[in-house]
C-alpha atoms as a PDB file:
ATOM      1  CA  MET A   1     -19.000  -3.250 -15.590  1.00  0.00           C
ATOM      2  CA  ALA A   2     -22.512  -3.767 -16.890  1.00  0.00           C
ATOM      3  CA  VAL A   3     -24.849  -0.790 -16.872  1.00  0.00           C
ATOM      4  CA  TYR A   4     -27.914  -1.299 -14.674  1.00  0.00           C
ATOM      5  CA  SER A   5     -30.697   0.530 -12.906  1.00  0.00           C
ATOM      6  CA  VAL A   6     -32.854  -0.431  -9.913  1.00  0.00           C
ATOM      7  CA  LEU A   7     -36.476  -1.283 -10.671  1.00  0.00           C
ATOM      8  CA  ASP A   8     -38.804  -0.497  -7.790  1.00  0.00           C
ATOM      9  CA  ASP A   9     -42.063  -2.173  -8.803  1.00  0.00           C
ATOM     10  CA  ALA A  10     -43.952  -4.083 -11.477  1.00  0.00           C
ATOM     11  CA  SER A  11     -44.653  -0.942 -13.497  1.00  0.00           C
ATOM     12  CA  ALA A  12     -40.920  -0.190 -13.681  1.00  0.00           C
ATOM     13  CA  LEU A  13     -40.261  -3.696 -15.000  1.00  0.00           C
ATOM     14  CA  ALA A  14     -43.185  -3.486 -17.398  1.00  0.00           C
ATOM     15  CA  SER A  15     -41.910  -0.177 -18.775  1.00  0.00           C
ATOM     16  CA  LEU A  16     -38.642  -1.728 -19.969  1.00  0.00           C
ATOM     17  CA  PRO A  17     -38.329  -2.115 -23.708  1.00  0.00           C
ATOM     18  CA  GLY A  18     -39.128  -5.569 -25.011  1.00  0.00           C
ATOM     19  CA  ASP A  19     -39.502  -7.003 -28.459  1.00  0.00           C
ATOM     20  CA  VAL A  20     -42.422  -6.257 -30.752  1.00  0.00           C
ATOM     21  CA  ASP A  21     -44.450  -9.172 -29.361  1.00  0.00           C
ATOM     22  CA  GLY A  22     -44.361  -7.848 -25.777  1.00  0.00           C
ATOM     23  CA  TYR A  23     -41.631 -10.153 -24.446  1.00  0.00           C
ATOM     24  CA  ILE A  24     -38.846  -9.196 -22.063  1.00  0.00           C
ATOM     25  CA  SER A  25     -35.643 -11.109 -21.248  1.00  0.00           C
ATOM     26  CA  ILE A  26     -35.007 -12.319 -17.689  1.00  0.00           C
ATOM     27  CA  CYS A  27     -31.600 -13.404 -16.312  1.00  0.00           C
ATOM     28  CA  GLY A  28     -31.624 -16.290 -13.848  1.00  0.00           C
ATOM     29  CA  TYR A  29     -28.836 -17.005 -11.392  1.00  0.00           C
ATOM     30  CA  GLY A  30     -30.230 -19.345  -8.692  1.00  0.00           C
ATOM     31  CA  SER A  31     -33.210 -21.626  -9.075  1.00  0.00           C
ATOM     32  CA  LEU A  32     -33.925 -19.918 -12.406  1.00  0.00           C
ATOM     33  CA  LEU A  33     -30.807 -21.627 -13.800  1.00  0.00           C
ATOM     34  CA  SER A  34     -33.042 -24.667 -14.099  1.00  0.00           C
ATOM     35  CA  GLU A  35     -35.495 -24.544 -16.977  1.00  0.00           C
ATOM     36  CA  LYS A  36     -37.860 -26.777 -14.993  1.00  0.00           C
ATOM     37  CA  SER A  37     -37.805 -24.366 -12.055  1.00  0.00           C
ATOM     38  CA  ALA A  38     -38.172 -21.330 -14.307  1.00  0.00           C
ATOM     39  CA  ARG A  39     -41.200 -22.957 -15.943  1.00  0.00           C
ATOM     40  CA  SER A  40     -42.846 -23.391 -12.530  1.00  0.00           C
ATOM     41  CA  THR A  41     -43.253 -19.606 -12.476  1.00  0.00           C
ATOM     42  CA  PHE A  42     -43.212 -18.941 -16.224  1.00  0.00           C
ATOM     43  CA  PRO A  43     -44.888 -21.921 -17.938  1.00  0.00           C
ATOM     44  CA  ASN A  44     -44.919 -20.093 -21.275  1.00  0.00           C
ATOM     45  CA  LEU A  45     -41.312 -18.894 -21.315  1.00  0.00           C
ATOM     46  CA  ILE A  46     -39.471 -19.077 -24.624  1.00  0.00           C
ATOM     47  CA  ASN A  47     -35.887 -19.001 -25.845  1.00  0.00           C
ATOM     48  CA  PHE A  48     -34.223 -20.505 -22.719  1.00  0.00           C
ATOM     49  CA  ARG A  49     -30.438 -20.152 -23.101  1.00  0.00           C
ATOM     50  CA  THR A  50     -27.202 -19.468 -21.231  1.00  0.00           C
ATOM     51  CA  ALA A  51     -25.217 -16.243 -21.127  1.00  0.00           C
ATOM     52  CA  ARG A  52     -22.196 -14.725 -19.449  1.00  0.00           C
ATOM     53  CA  LEU A  53     -22.840 -11.737 -17.161  1.00  0.00           C
ATOM     54  CA  THR A  54     -19.868  -9.493 -16.421  1.00  0.00           C
ATOM     55  CA  GLY A  55     -19.723  -6.977 -13.582  1.00  0.00           C
ATOM     56  CA  PHE A  56     -21.669  -9.076 -11.063  1.00  0.00           C
ATOM     57  CA  ARG A  57     -20.966 -11.946  -8.701  1.00  0.00           C
ATOM     58  CA  ARG A  58     -23.147 -14.567  -6.993  1.00  0.00           C
ATOM     59  CA  LEU A  59     -23.011 -15.002  -3.236  1.00  0.00           C
ATOM     60  CA  PHE A  60     -24.967 -16.660  -0.449  1.00  0.00           C
ATOM     61  CA  SER A  61     -25.769 -13.641   1.689  1.00  0.00           C
ATOM     62  CA  PHE A  62     -29.515 -13.350   1.958  1.00  0.00           C
ATOM     63  CA  VAL A  63     -31.613 -15.060   4.630  1.00  0.00           C
ATOM     64  CA  GLY A  64     -35.256 -15.148   3.642  1.00  0.00           C
ATOM     65  CA  ALA A  65     -38.293 -16.256   5.622  1.00  0.00           C
ATOM     66  CA  PHE A  66     -39.206 -18.519   2.687  1.00  0.00           C
ATOM     67  CA  PHE A  67     -36.398 -20.913   3.642  1.00  0.00           C
ATOM     68  CA  PHE A  68     -37.869 -21.368   7.106  1.00  0.00           C
ATOM     69  CA  THR A  69     -41.565 -21.463   6.203  1.00  0.00           C
ATOM     70  CA  HIS A  70     -40.945 -24.085   3.503  1.00  0.00           C
ATOM     71  CA  GLY A  71     -38.555 -26.264   5.540  1.00  0.00           C
ATOM     72  CA  ILE A  72     -35.541 -25.569   3.338  1.00  0.00           C
ATOM     73  CA  ALA A  73     -33.342 -23.993   6.037  1.00  0.00           C
ATOM     74  CA  ASN A  74     -31.161 -26.322   8.095  1.00  0.00           C
ATOM     75  CA  LEU A  75     -29.964 -24.645  11.287  1.00  0.00           C
ATOM     76  CA  LYS A  76     -27.824 -27.647  12.248  1.00  0.00           C
ATOM     77  CA  THR A  77     -25.660 -27.291   9.132  1.00  0.00           C
ATOM     78  CA  GLN A  78     -26.192 -23.520   8.921  1.00  0.00           C
ATOM     79  CA  GLU A  79     -27.707 -23.830   5.449  1.00  0.00           C
ATOM     80  CA  ILE A  80     -29.961 -20.813   5.706  1.00  0.00           C
ATOM     81  CA  ALA A  81     -28.783 -18.314   3.098  1.00  0.00           C
ATOM     82  CA  ALA A  82     -30.264 -17.801  -0.322  1.00  0.00           C
ATOM     83  CA  LEU A  83     -28.239 -17.011  -3.386  1.00  0.00           C
ATOM     84  CA  SER A  84     -28.104 -13.399  -4.462  1.00  0.00           C
ATOM     85  CA  VAL A  85     -26.182 -11.291  -6.951  1.00  0.00           C
ATOM     86  CA  GLU A  86     -24.370  -8.025  -6.438  1.00  0.00           C
ATOM     87  CA  PRO A  87     -22.484  -5.671  -8.727  1.00  0.00           C
ATOM     88  CA  TYR A  88     -18.777  -6.454  -8.540  1.00  0.00           C
ATOM     89  CA  GLU A  89     -16.229  -5.178 -11.010  1.00  0.00           C
ATOM     90  CA  ASP A  90     -14.095  -7.740 -12.858  1.00  0.00           C
ATOM     91  CA  GLU A  91     -16.326 -10.695 -11.902  1.00  0.00           C
ATOM     92  CA  THR A  92     -18.266 -12.830 -14.362  1.00  0.00           C
ATOM     93  CA  PHE A  93     -20.694 -15.687 -13.997  1.00  0.00           C
ATOM     94  CA  ILE A  94     -22.844 -17.908 -16.153  1.00  0.00           C
ATOM     95  CA  THR A  95     -26.536 -17.090 -16.105  1.00  0.00           C
ATOM     96  CA  THR A  96     -29.590 -18.256 -17.948  1.00  0.00           C
ATOM     97  CA  VAL A  97     -31.691 -15.923 -20.035  1.00  0.00           C
ATOM     98  CA  PHE A  98     -35.244 -16.543 -21.148  1.00  0.00           C
ATOM     99  CA  ASP A  99     -38.070 -14.476 -22.510  1.00  0.00           C
ATOM    100  CA  ILE A 100     -41.453 -13.966 -20.884  1.00  0.00           C
ATOM    101  CA  LYS A 101     -44.503 -11.924 -21.786  1.00  0.00           C
ATOM    102  CA  LYS A 102     -44.558  -8.645 -19.893  1.00  0.00           C
ATOM    103  CA  THR A 103     -47.934  -9.743 -18.497  1.00  0.00           C
ATOM    104  CA  GLU A 104     -46.062 -12.416 -16.483  1.00  0.00           C
ATOM    105  CA  ILE A 105     -44.056  -9.831 -14.524  1.00  0.00           C
ATOM    106  CA  PRO A 106     -46.394  -9.846 -11.467  1.00  0.00           C
ATOM    107  CA  ALA A 107     -45.795 -13.612 -11.014  1.00  0.00           C
ATOM    108  CA  PHE A 108     -42.064 -12.981 -11.209  1.00  0.00           C
ATOM    109  CA  ILE A 109     -42.218 -10.296  -8.532  1.00  0.00           C
ATOM    110  CA  GLN A 110     -44.408 -12.499  -6.329  1.00  0.00           C
ATOM    111  CA  ARG A 111     -41.955 -15.399  -6.587  1.00  0.00           C
ATOM    112  CA  GLU A 112     -38.880 -13.239  -5.959  1.00  0.00           C
ATOM    113  CA  ARG A 113     -40.474 -10.552  -3.744  1.00  0.00           C
ATOM    114  CA  GLU A 114     -37.588 -10.438  -1.257  1.00  0.00           C
ATOM    115  CA  TYR A 115     -35.100  -9.369  -3.921  1.00  0.00           C
ATOM    116  CA  ARG A 116     -34.517  -6.129  -5.747  1.00  0.00           C
ATOM    117  CA  PHE A 117     -34.686  -6.076  -9.510  1.00  0.00           C
ATOM    118  CA  LEU A 118     -32.080  -4.575 -11.829  1.00  0.00           C
ATOM    119  CA  ALA A 119     -32.255  -3.776 -15.501  1.00  0.00           C
ATOM    120  CA  VAL A 120     -29.037  -4.901 -17.162  1.00  0.00           C
ATOM    121  CA  VAL A 121     -28.197  -3.433 -20.526  1.00  0.00           C
ATOM    122  CA  LYS A 122     -26.987  -5.945 -23.084  1.00  0.00           C
ATOM    123  CA  THR A 123     -23.415  -5.052 -24.085  1.00  0.00           C
ATOM    124  CA  GLN A 124     -20.518  -6.917 -25.590  1.00  0.00           C
ATOM    125  CA  ASP A 125     -19.792  -8.186 -22.058  1.00  0.00           C
ATOM    126  CA  ILE A 126     -23.256  -9.717 -21.740  1.00  0.00           C
ATOM    127  CA  ARG A 127     -23.658 -12.379 -24.380  1.00  0.00           C
ATOM    128  CA  PHE A 128     -27.239 -13.554 -24.799  1.00  0.00           C
END
């Protein structure tokens, strides 16, 4: 399983090691799988690519107010859950990875404020 830690706020994310130019890698698993969508929050992202993330699984288990306030939820068809990720041994999924300046972290937290953030350590099981 991948090694990870919970990040409680923007300062925790900003304290993660990045490269020498102040960039940090972000994994996307829902709307951030789309480069166009990722660029709506991170217009200056670089190095957009795919990766395999082991030790996690995707699931539709989170109902957020955003879906209702933006007219995305459909009660008739019960399409109300957002995609989330949870640690799960022996599972793997395809993710996207892209690099953003650490100064863009507040926009990331604002966009995804209903989620928790995890730091995932790159290992042989996580191929960036």
